[in-house]
Amino acid sequence: MQRVLAISGMLFLAFATQAAADCTCRFRGGETVEGQTACISTSSGSTLARCEKFLNNTSWKMLNQPCPTASLSGPDGDMSPADPVLAGIIRG
């Protein structure tokens, strides 16, 4: 009897661990793992959202933060490269 309980307990833990690892949120045809963020378009513009579990289901939690962006602008606001030699080549 103890052997049956031990085996049942191990099987339960194995399936419970596997189920927790499969939690993902869907967005634009892809999957995002629980805890990761994505930039989601809403009616009020793009916002950062995190994949979280709510009532045993995954859902997006809006973080009310703007999406991160990259910029190629130099320190003076123009699109100049950081290397002065390249700047001379590009600007002529």
PDB file of N, CA and C in Angstrom:
ATOM      1  N   MET A   1       0.820  -1.203   0.000  1.00  0.00           N
ATOM      2  CA  MET A   1       0.000   0.000   0.000  1.00  0.00           C
ATOM      3  C   MET A   1       0.862   1.265   0.000  1.00  0.00           C
ATOM      4  N   GLN A   2       1.946   1.229   0.770  1.00  0.00           N
ATOM      5  CA  GLN A   2       2.829   2.393   0.806  1.00  0.00           C
ATOM      6  C   GLN A   2       3.488   2.624  -0.549  1.00  0.00           C
ATOM      7  N   ARG A   3       3.794   1.534  -1.223  1.00  0.00           N
ATOM      8  CA  ARG A   3       4.420   1.645  -2.539  1.00  0.00           C
ATOM      9  C   ARG A   3       3.459   2.318  -3.528  1.00  0.00           C
ATOM     10  N   VAL A   4       2.191   1.957  -3.474  1.00  0.00           N
ATOM     11  CA  VAL A   4       1.191   2.553  -4.362  1.00  0.00           C
ATOM     12  C   VAL A   4       1.050   4.048  -4.074  1.00  0.00           C
ATOM     13  N   LEU A   5       1.023   4.427  -2.805  1.00  0.00           N
ATOM     14  CA  LEU A   5       0.922   5.841  -2.444  1.00  0.00           C
ATOM     15  C   LEU A   5       2.154   6.622  -2.898  1.00  0.00           C
ATOM     16  N   ALA A   6       3.324   6.019  -2.744  1.00  0.00           N
ATOM     17  CA  ALA A   6       4.557   6.694  -3.160  1.00  0.00           C
ATOM     18  C   ALA A   6       4.572   6.909  -4.669  1.00  0.00           C
ATOM     19  N   ILE A   7       4.180   5.899  -5.425  1.00  0.00           N
ATOM     20  CA  ILE A   7       4.150   6.018  -6.883  1.00  0.00           C
ATOM     21  C   ILE A   7       3.102   7.048  -7.309  1.00  0.00           C
ATOM     22  N   SER A   8       1.944   7.025  -6.660  1.00  0.00           N
ATOM     23  CA  SER A   8       0.891   8.001  -6.973  1.00  0.00           C
ATOM     24  C   SER A   8       1.376   9.421  -6.697  1.00  0.00           C
ATOM     25  N   GLY A   9       2.062   9.603  -5.584  1.00  0.00           N
ATOM     26  CA  GLY A   9       2.596  10.922  -5.235  1.00  0.00           C
ATOM     27  C   GLY A   9       3.611  11.411  -6.252  1.00  0.00           C
ATOM     28  N   MET A  10       4.497  10.526  -6.701  1.00  0.00           N
ATOM     29  CA  MET A  10       5.501  10.908  -7.699  1.00  0.00           C
ATOM     30  C   MET A  10       4.847  11.272  -9.030  1.00  0.00           C
ATOM     31  N   LEU A  11       3.831  10.510  -9.430  1.00  0.00           N
ATOM     32  CA  LEU A  11       3.132  10.815 -10.679  1.00  0.00           C
ATOM     33  C   LEU A  11       2.414  12.160 -10.595  1.00  0.00           C
ATOM     34  N   PHE A  12       1.795  12.416  -9.457  1.00  0.00           N
ATOM     35  CA  PHE A  12       1.103  13.689  -9.263  1.00  0.00           C
ATOM     36  C   PHE A  12       2.081  14.853  -9.382  1.00  0.00           C
ATOM     37  N   LEU A  13       3.226  14.746  -8.712  1.00  0.00           N
ATOM     38  CA  LEU A  13       4.218  15.819  -8.770  1.00  0.00           C
ATOM     39  C   LEU A  13       4.766  16.005 -10.184  1.00  0.00           C
ATOM     40  N   ALA A  14       4.972  14.913 -10.892  1.00  0.00           N
ATOM     41  CA  ALA A  14       5.493  15.005 -12.258  1.00  0.00           C
ATOM     42  C   ALA A  14       4.504  15.732 -13.166  1.00  0.00           C
ATOM     43  N   PHE A  15       3.223  15.407 -13.070  1.00  0.00           N
ATOM     44  CA  PHE A  15       2.223  16.057 -13.917  1.00  0.00           C
ATOM     45  C   PHE A  15       1.981  17.499 -13.491  1.00  0.00           C
ATOM     46  N   ALA A  16       2.018  17.777 -12.196  1.00  0.00           N
ATOM     47  CA  ALA A  16       1.821  19.146 -11.719  1.00  0.00           C
ATOM     48  C   ALA A  16       2.955  20.045 -12.191  1.00  0.00           C
ATOM     49  N   THR A  17       4.183  19.554 -12.166  1.00  0.00           N
ATOM     50  CA  THR A  17       5.325  20.331 -12.627  1.00  0.00           C
ATOM     51  C   THR A  17       5.238  20.579 -14.123  1.00  0.00           C
ATOM     52  N   GLN A  18       4.837  19.581 -14.883  1.00  0.00           N
ATOM     53  CA  GLN A  18       4.722  19.726 -16.332  1.00  0.00           C
ATOM     54  C   GLN A  18       3.635  20.737 -16.686  1.00  0.00           C
ATOM     55  N   ALA A  19       2.526  20.719 -15.980  1.00  0.00           N
ATOM     56  CA  ALA A  19       1.440  21.651 -16.269  1.00  0.00           C
ATOM     57  C   ALA A  19       1.869  23.084 -15.998  1.00  0.00           C
ATOM     58  N   ALA A  20       2.639  23.308 -14.939  1.00  0.00           N
ATOM     59  CA  ALA A  20       3.087  24.653 -14.614  1.00  0.00           C
ATOM     60  C   ALA A  20       4.054  25.188 -15.661  1.00  0.00           C
ATOM     61  N   ALA A  21       4.843  24.321 -16.265  1.00  0.00           N
ATOM     62  CA  ALA A  21       5.834  24.754 -17.247  1.00  0.00           C
ATOM     63  C   ALA A  21       5.191  25.141 -18.574  1.00  0.00           C
ATOM     64  N   ASP A  22       3.974  24.728 -18.835  1.00  0.00           N
ATOM     65  CA  ASP A  22       3.318  24.973 -20.115  1.00  0.00           C
ATOM     66  C   ASP A  22       2.502  26.257 -20.141  1.00  0.00           C
ATOM     67  N   CYS A  23       2.556  27.080 -19.107  1.00  0.00           N
ATOM     68  CA  CYS A  23       1.736  28.290 -19.047  1.00  0.00           C
ATOM     69  C   CYS A  23       2.297  29.354 -19.981  1.00  0.00           C
ATOM     70  N   THR A  24       1.522  29.709 -20.994  1.00  0.00           N
ATOM     71  CA  THR A  24       1.928  30.737 -21.950  1.00  0.00           C
ATOM     72  C   THR A  24       0.745  31.640 -22.275  1.00  0.00           C
ATOM     73  N   CYS A  25       1.051  32.830 -22.738  1.00  0.00           N
ATOM     74  CA  CYS A  25       0.041  33.750 -23.262  1.00  0.00           C
ATOM     75  C   CYS A  25       0.220  33.816 -24.771  1.00  0.00           C
ATOM     76  N   ARG A  26      -0.862  34.034 -25.486  1.00  0.00           N
ATOM     77  CA  ARG A  26      -0.799  34.112 -26.949  1.00  0.00           C
ATOM     78  C   ARG A  26      -0.924  35.567 -27.390  1.00  0.00           C
ATOM     79  N   PHE A  27      -0.144  35.892 -28.429  1.00  0.00           N
ATOM     80  CA  PHE A  27      -0.206  37.233 -29.005  1.00  0.00           C
ATOM     81  C   PHE A  27       0.344  37.178 -30.417  1.00  0.00           C
ATOM     82  N   ARG A  28      -0.432  37.668 -31.376  1.00  0.00           N
ATOM     83  CA  ARG A  28      -0.048  37.714 -32.793  1.00  0.00           C
ATOM     84  C   ARG A  28       0.447  36.371 -33.316  1.00  0.00           C
ATOM     85  N   GLY A  29      -0.233  35.311 -32.965  1.00  0.00           N
ATOM     86  CA  GLY A  29       0.092  33.989 -33.471  1.00  0.00           C
ATOM     87  C   GLY A  29       1.248  33.309 -32.775  1.00  0.00           C
ATOM     88  N   GLY A  30       1.850  33.946 -31.789  1.00  0.00           N
ATOM     89  CA  GLY A  30       2.970  33.348 -31.062  1.00  0.00           C
ATOM     90  C   GLY A  30       2.619  33.120 -29.608  1.00  0.00           C
ATOM     91  N   GLU A  31       3.543  32.523 -28.892  1.00  0.00           N
ATOM     92  CA  GLU A  31       3.344  32.258 -27.472  1.00  0.00           C
ATOM     93  C   GLU A  31       4.423  32.969 -26.665  1.00  0.00           C
ATOM     94  N   THR A  32       4.024  33.504 -25.518  1.00  0.00           N
ATOM     95  CA  THR A  32       4.938  34.166 -24.603  1.00  0.00           C
ATOM     96  C   THR A  32       4.875  33.441 -23.271  1.00  0.00           C
ATOM     97  N   VAL A  33       6.038  33.108 -22.725  1.00  0.00           N
ATOM     98  CA  VAL A  33       6.122  32.368 -21.469  1.00  0.00           C
ATOM     99  C   VAL A  33       5.692  33.268 -20.314  1.00  0.00           C
ATOM    100  N   GLU A  34       5.082  32.669 -19.311  1.00  0.00           N
ATOM    101  CA  GLU A  34       4.639  33.399 -18.129  1.00  0.00           C
ATOM    102  C   GLU A  34       5.803  34.184 -17.527  1.00  0.00           C
ATOM    103  N   GLY A  35       5.570  35.471 -17.247  1.00  0.00           N
ATOM    104  CA  GLY A  35       6.588  36.342 -16.674  1.00  0.00           C
ATOM    105  C   GLY A  35       7.268  37.242 -17.692  1.00  0.00           C
ATOM    106  N   GLN A  36       7.170  36.923 -18.984  1.00  0.00           N
ATOM    107  CA  GLN A  36       7.789  37.759 -20.008  1.00  0.00           C
ATOM    108  C   GLN A  36       6.839  38.877 -20.425  1.00  0.00           C
ATOM    109  N   THR A  37       7.403  39.914 -21.025  1.00  0.00           N
ATOM    110  CA  THR A  37       6.603  41.059 -21.450  1.00  0.00           C
ATOM    111  C   THR A  37       6.547  41.149 -22.973  1.00  0.00           C
ATOM    112  N   ALA A  38       5.547  41.879 -23.445  1.00  0.00           N
ATOM    113  CA  ALA A  38       5.384  42.127 -24.879  1.00  0.00           C
ATOM    114  C   ALA A  38       4.735  43.493 -25.049  1.00  0.00           C
ATOM    115  N   CYS A  39       4.952  44.103 -26.193  1.00  0.00           N
ATOM    116  CA  CYS A  39       4.331  45.379 -26.525  1.00  0.00           C
ATOM    117  C   CYS A  39       3.023  45.077 -27.259  1.00  0.00           C
ATOM    118  N   ILE A  40       1.904  45.459 -26.658  1.00  0.00           N
ATOM    119  CA  ILE A  40       0.589  45.124 -27.191  1.00  0.00           C
ATOM    120  C   ILE A  40      -0.137  46.403 -27.604  1.00  0.00           C
ATOM    121  N   SER A  41      -0.738  46.376 -28.779  1.00  0.00           N
ATOM    122  CA  SER A  41      -1.511  47.519 -29.269  1.00  0.00           C
ATOM    123  C   SER A  41      -2.908  47.474 -28.666  1.00  0.00           C
ATOM    124  N   THR A  42      -3.321  48.593 -28.081  1.00  0.00           N
ATOM    125  CA  THR A  42      -4.660  48.714 -27.509  1.00  0.00           C
ATOM    126  C   THR A  42      -5.357  49.913 -28.159  1.00  0.00           C
ATOM    127  N   SER A  43      -6.589  50.147 -27.779  1.00  0.00           N
ATOM    128  CA  SER A  43      -7.330  51.281 -28.339  1.00  0.00           C
ATOM    129  C   SER A  43      -6.714  52.620 -27.933  1.00  0.00           C
ATOM    130  N   SER A  44      -5.957  52.634 -26.825  1.00  0.00           N
ATOM    131  CA  SER A  44      -5.314  53.878 -26.386  1.00  0.00           C
ATOM    132  C   SER A  44      -3.840  53.948 -26.789  1.00  0.00           C
ATOM    133  N   GLY A  45      -3.406  53.063 -27.677  1.00  0.00           N
ATOM    134  CA  GLY A  45      -2.018  53.064 -28.139  1.00  0.00           C
ATOM    135  C   GLY A  45      -1.277  51.823 -27.674  1.00  0.00           C
ATOM    136  N   SER A  46       0.004  51.766 -27.980  1.00  0.00           N
ATOM    137  CA  SER A  46       0.814  50.609 -27.587  1.00  0.00           C
ATOM    138  C   SER A  46       1.210  50.715 -26.120  1.00  0.00           C
ATOM    139  N   THR A  47       1.167  49.588 -25.426  1.00  0.00           N
ATOM    140  CA  THR A  47       1.541  49.549 -24.018  1.00  0.00           C
ATOM    141  C   THR A  47       2.272  48.250 -23.718  1.00  0.00           C
ATOM    142  N   LEU A  48       3.072  48.263 -22.680  1.00  0.00           N
ATOM    143  CA  LEU A  48       3.812  47.083 -22.266  1.00  0.00           C
ATOM    144  C   LEU A  48       2.902  46.212 -21.407  1.00  0.00           C
ATOM    145  N   ALA A  49       2.907  44.903 -21.649  1.00  0.00           N
ATOM    146  CA  ALA A  49       2.070  43.965 -20.892  1.00  0.00           C
ATOM    147  C   ALA A  49       2.910  42.754 -20.500  1.00  0.00           C
ATOM    148  N   ARG A  50       2.593  42.167 -19.345  1.00  0.00           N
ATOM    149  CA  ARG A  50       3.304  40.989 -18.858  1.00  0.00           C
ATOM    150  C   ARG A  50       2.352  39.804 -18.820  1.00  0.00           C
ATOM    151  N   CYS A  51       2.835  38.634 -19.236  1.00  0.00           N
ATOM    152  CA  CYS A  51       2.061  37.398 -19.194  1.00  0.00           C
ATOM    153  C   CYS A  51       2.027  36.906 -17.748  1.00  0.00           C
ATOM    154  N   GLU A  52       0.837  36.821 -17.165  1.00  0.00           N
ATOM    155  CA  GLU A  52       0.677  36.394 -15.775  1.00  0.00           C
ATOM    156  C   GLU A  52      -0.461  35.395 -15.659  1.00  0.00           C
ATOM    157  N   LYS A  53      -0.462  34.684 -14.544  1.00  0.00           N
ATOM    158  CA  LYS A  53      -1.542  33.744 -14.265  1.00  0.00           C
ATOM    159  C   LYS A  53      -2.567  34.433 -13.366  1.00  0.00           C
ATOM    160  N   PHE A  54      -3.842  34.335 -13.743  1.00  0.00           N
ATOM    161  CA  PHE A  54      -4.936  34.916 -12.969  1.00  0.00           C
ATOM    162  C   PHE A  54      -6.058  33.888 -12.901  1.00  0.00           C
ATOM    163  N   LEU A  55      -6.431  33.492 -11.704  1.00  0.00           N
ATOM    164  CA  LEU A  55      -7.460  32.475 -11.489  1.00  0.00           C
ATOM    165  C   LEU A  55      -7.168  31.205 -12.293  1.00  0.00           C
ATOM    166  N   ASN A  56      -5.913  30.767 -12.233  1.00  0.00           N
ATOM    167  CA  ASN A  56      -5.431  29.539 -12.870  1.00  0.00           C
ATOM    168  C   ASN A  56      -5.473  29.590 -14.399  1.00  0.00           C
ATOM    169  N   ASN A  57      -5.558  30.792 -14.968  1.00  0.00           N
ATOM    170  CA  ASN A  57      -5.485  30.982 -16.421  1.00  0.00           C
ATOM    171  C   ASN A  57      -4.461  32.068 -16.708  1.00  0.00           C
ATOM    172  N   THR A  58      -3.781  31.954 -17.828  1.00  0.00           N
ATOM    173  CA  THR A  58      -2.845  33.014 -18.182  1.00  0.00           C
ATOM    174  C   THR A  58      -3.591  34.153 -18.858  1.00  0.00           C
ATOM    175  N   SER A  59      -3.120  35.364 -18.597  1.00  0.00           N
ATOM    176  CA  SER A  59      -3.703  36.547 -19.221  1.00  0.00           C
ATOM    177  C   SER A  59      -2.644  37.642 -19.248  1.00  0.00           C
ATOM    178  N   TRP A  60      -2.909  38.675 -20.029  1.00  0.00           N
ATOM    179  CA  TRP A  60      -1.989  39.801 -20.124  1.00  0.00           C
ATOM    180  C   TRP A  60      -2.344  40.834 -19.072  1.00  0.00           C
ATOM    181  N   LYS A  61      -1.358  41.267 -18.290  1.00  0.00           N
ATOM    182  CA  LYS A  61      -1.549  42.354 -17.330  1.00  0.00           C
ATOM    183  C   LYS A  61      -0.908  43.599 -17.928  1.00  0.00           C
ATOM    184  N   MET A  62      -1.722  44.614 -18.188  1.00  0.00           N
ATOM    185  CA  MET A  62      -1.211  45.854 -18.754  1.00  0.00           C
ATOM    186  C   MET A  62      -0.402  46.592 -17.690  1.00  0.00           C
ATOM    187  N   LEU A  63       0.815  46.986 -18.024  1.00  0.00           N
ATOM    188  CA  LEU A  63       1.718  47.614 -17.064  1.00  0.00           C
ATOM    189  C   LEU A  63       1.647  49.136 -17.095  1.00  0.00           C
ATOM    190  N   ASN A  64       0.844  49.706 -17.983  1.00  0.00           N
ATOM    191  CA  ASN A  64       0.701  51.159 -18.120  1.00  0.00           C
ATOM    192  C   ASN A  64       2.050  51.848 -18.270  1.00  0.00           C
ATOM    193  N   GLN A  65       2.938  51.219 -19.029  1.00  0.00           N
ATOM    194  CA  GLN A  65       4.243  51.784 -19.357  1.00  0.00           C
ATOM    195  C   GLN A  65       4.364  51.800 -20.874  1.00  0.00           C
ATOM    196  N   PRO A  66       5.045  52.802 -21.411  1.00  0.00           N
ATOM    197  CA  PRO A  66       5.232  52.811 -22.864  1.00  0.00           C
ATOM    198  C   PRO A  66       6.150  51.675 -23.297  1.00  0.00           C
ATOM    199  N   CYS A  67       5.993  51.256 -24.516  1.00  0.00           N
ATOM    200  CA  CYS A  67       6.857  50.207 -25.056  1.00  0.00           C
ATOM    201  C   CYS A  67       8.265  50.759 -25.246  1.00  0.00           C
ATOM    202  N   PRO A  68       9.277  49.958 -24.952  1.00  0.00           N
ATOM    203  CA  PRO A  68      10.652  50.432 -25.162  1.00  0.00           C
ATOM    204  C   PRO A  68      10.924  50.610 -26.653  1.00  0.00           C
ATOM    205  N   THR A  69      11.685  51.629 -26.985  1.00  0.00           N
ATOM    206  CA  THR A  69      12.028  51.890 -28.379  1.00  0.00           C
ATOM    207  C   THR A  69      13.530  52.107 -28.496  1.00  0.00           C
ATOM    208  N   ALA A  70      14.037  51.927 -29.679  1.00  0.00           N
ATOM    209  CA  ALA A  70      15.447  52.189 -29.964  1.00  0.00           C
ATOM    210  C   ALA A  70      15.531  53.411 -30.862  1.00  0.00           C
ATOM    211  N   SER A  71      16.599  54.157 -30.723  1.00  0.00           N
ATOM    212  CA  SER A  71      16.771  55.356 -31.519  1.00  0.00           C
ATOM    213  C   SER A  71      18.182  55.401 -32.088  1.00  0.00           C
ATOM    214  N   LEU A  72      18.296  55.913 -33.298  1.00  0.00           N
ATOM    215  CA  LEU A  72      19.600  56.067 -33.929  1.00  0.00           C
ATOM    216  C   LEU A  72      20.107  57.496 -33.830  1.00  0.00           C
ATOM    217  N   SER A  73      19.391  58.342 -33.130  1.00  0.00           N
ATOM    218  CA  SER A  73      19.775  59.745 -33.033  1.00  0.00           C
ATOM    219  C   SER A  73      21.064  59.906 -32.247  1.00  0.00           C
ATOM    220  N   GLY A  74      21.876  60.871 -32.679  1.00  0.00           N
ATOM    221  CA  GLY A  74      23.092  61.214 -31.956  1.00  0.00           C
ATOM    222  C   GLY A  74      22.764  62.131 -30.796  1.00  0.00           C
ATOM    223  N   PRO A  75      23.782  62.582 -30.051  1.00  0.00           N
ATOM    224  CA  PRO A  75      23.531  63.431 -28.885  1.00  0.00           C
ATOM    225  C   PRO A  75      22.908  64.778 -29.244  1.00  0.00           C
ATOM    226  N   ASP A  76      23.135  65.276 -30.469  1.00  0.00           N
ATOM    227  CA  ASP A  76      22.545  66.551 -30.858  1.00  0.00           C
ATOM    228  C   ASP A  76      21.206  66.392 -31.579  1.00  0.00           C
ATOM    229  N   GLY A  77      20.697  65.154 -31.613  1.00  0.00           N
ATOM    230  CA  GLY A  77      19.377  64.911 -32.165  1.00  0.00           C
ATOM    231  C   GLY A  77      19.347  64.503 -33.618  1.00  0.00           C
ATOM    232  N   ASP A  78      20.487  64.613 -34.339  1.00  0.00           N
ATOM    233  CA  ASP A  78      20.464  64.195 -35.740  1.00  0.00           C
ATOM    234  C   ASP A  78      20.864  62.729 -35.859  1.00  0.00           C
ATOM    235  N   MET A  79      20.816  62.212 -37.042  1.00  0.00           N
ATOM    236  CA  MET A  79      21.111  60.801 -37.280  1.00  0.00           C
ATOM    237  C   MET A  79      22.587  60.586 -37.603  1.00  0.00           C
ATOM    238  N   SER A  80      23.477  61.297 -36.941  1.00  0.00           N
ATOM    239  CA  SER A  80      24.901  61.192 -37.252  1.00  0.00           C
ATOM    240  C   SER A  80      25.532  60.009 -36.531  1.00  0.00           C
ATOM    241  N   PRO A  81      26.506  59.354 -37.176  1.00  0.00           N
ATOM    242  CA  PRO A  81      27.217  58.270 -36.507  1.00  0.00           C
ATOM    243  C   PRO A  81      28.130  58.826 -35.423  1.00  0.00           C
ATOM    244  N   ALA A  82      28.478  57.994 -34.455  1.00  0.00           N
ATOM    245  CA  ALA A  82      29.314  58.420 -33.341  1.00  0.00           C
ATOM    246  C   ALA A  82      30.763  58.632 -33.769  1.00  0.00           C
ATOM    247  N   ASP A  83      31.231  57.946 -34.789  1.00  0.00           N
ATOM    248  CA  ASP A  83      32.615  58.035 -35.242  1.00  0.00           C
ATOM    249  C   ASP A  83      32.780  59.260 -36.150  1.00  0.00           C
ATOM    250  N   PRO A  84      33.664  60.228 -35.794  1.00  0.00           N
ATOM    251  CA  PRO A  84      33.822  61.428 -36.617  1.00  0.00           C
ATOM    252  C   PRO A  84      34.328  61.134 -38.025  1.00  0.00           C
ATOM    253  N   VAL A  85      35.112  60.070 -38.200  1.00  0.00           N
ATOM    254  CA  VAL A  85      35.587  59.708 -39.538  1.00  0.00           C
ATOM    255  C   VAL A  85      34.407  59.309 -40.411  1.00  0.00           C
ATOM    256  N   LEU A  86      33.518  58.483 -39.863  1.00  0.00           N
ATOM    257  CA  LEU A  86      32.327  58.091 -40.614  1.00  0.00           C
ATOM    258  C   LEU A  86      31.424  59.287 -40.877  1.00  0.00           C
ATOM    259  N   ALA A  87      31.364  60.207 -39.932  1.00  0.00           N
ATOM    260  CA  ALA A  87      30.537  61.394 -40.122  1.00  0.00           C
ATOM    261  C   ALA A  87      31.028  62.195 -41.320  1.00  0.00           C
ATOM    262  N   GLY A  88      32.343  62.300 -41.493  1.00  0.00           N
ATOM    263  CA  GLY A  88      32.904  63.015 -42.634  1.00  0.00           C
ATOM    264  C   GLY A  88      32.605  62.316 -43.943  1.00  0.00           C
ATOM    265  N   ILE A  89      32.606  60.992 -43.929  1.00  0.00           N
ATOM    266  CA  ILE A  89      32.323  60.226 -45.141  1.00  0.00           C
ATOM    267  C   ILE A  89      30.856  60.367 -45.525  1.00  0.00           C
ATOM    268  N   ILE A  90      29.989  60.285 -44.543  1.00  0.00           N
ATOM    269  CA  ILE A  90      28.549  60.329 -44.819  1.00  0.00           C
ATOM    270  C   ILE A  90      28.117  61.735 -45.229  1.00  0.00           C
ATOM    271  N   ARG A  91      28.598  62.755 -44.529  1.00  0.00           N
ATOM    272  CA  ARG A  91      28.179  64.130 -44.813  1.00  0.00           C
ATOM    273  C   ARG A  91      28.908  64.724 -46.011  1.00  0.00           C
ATOM    274  N   GLY A  92      30.005  64.117 -46.410  1.00  0.00           N
ATOM    275  CA  GLY A  92      30.719  64.563 -47.599  1.00  0.00           C
ATOM    276  C   GLY A  92      31.671  65.612 -47.289  1.00  0.00           C
TER     277      GLY A  92
END
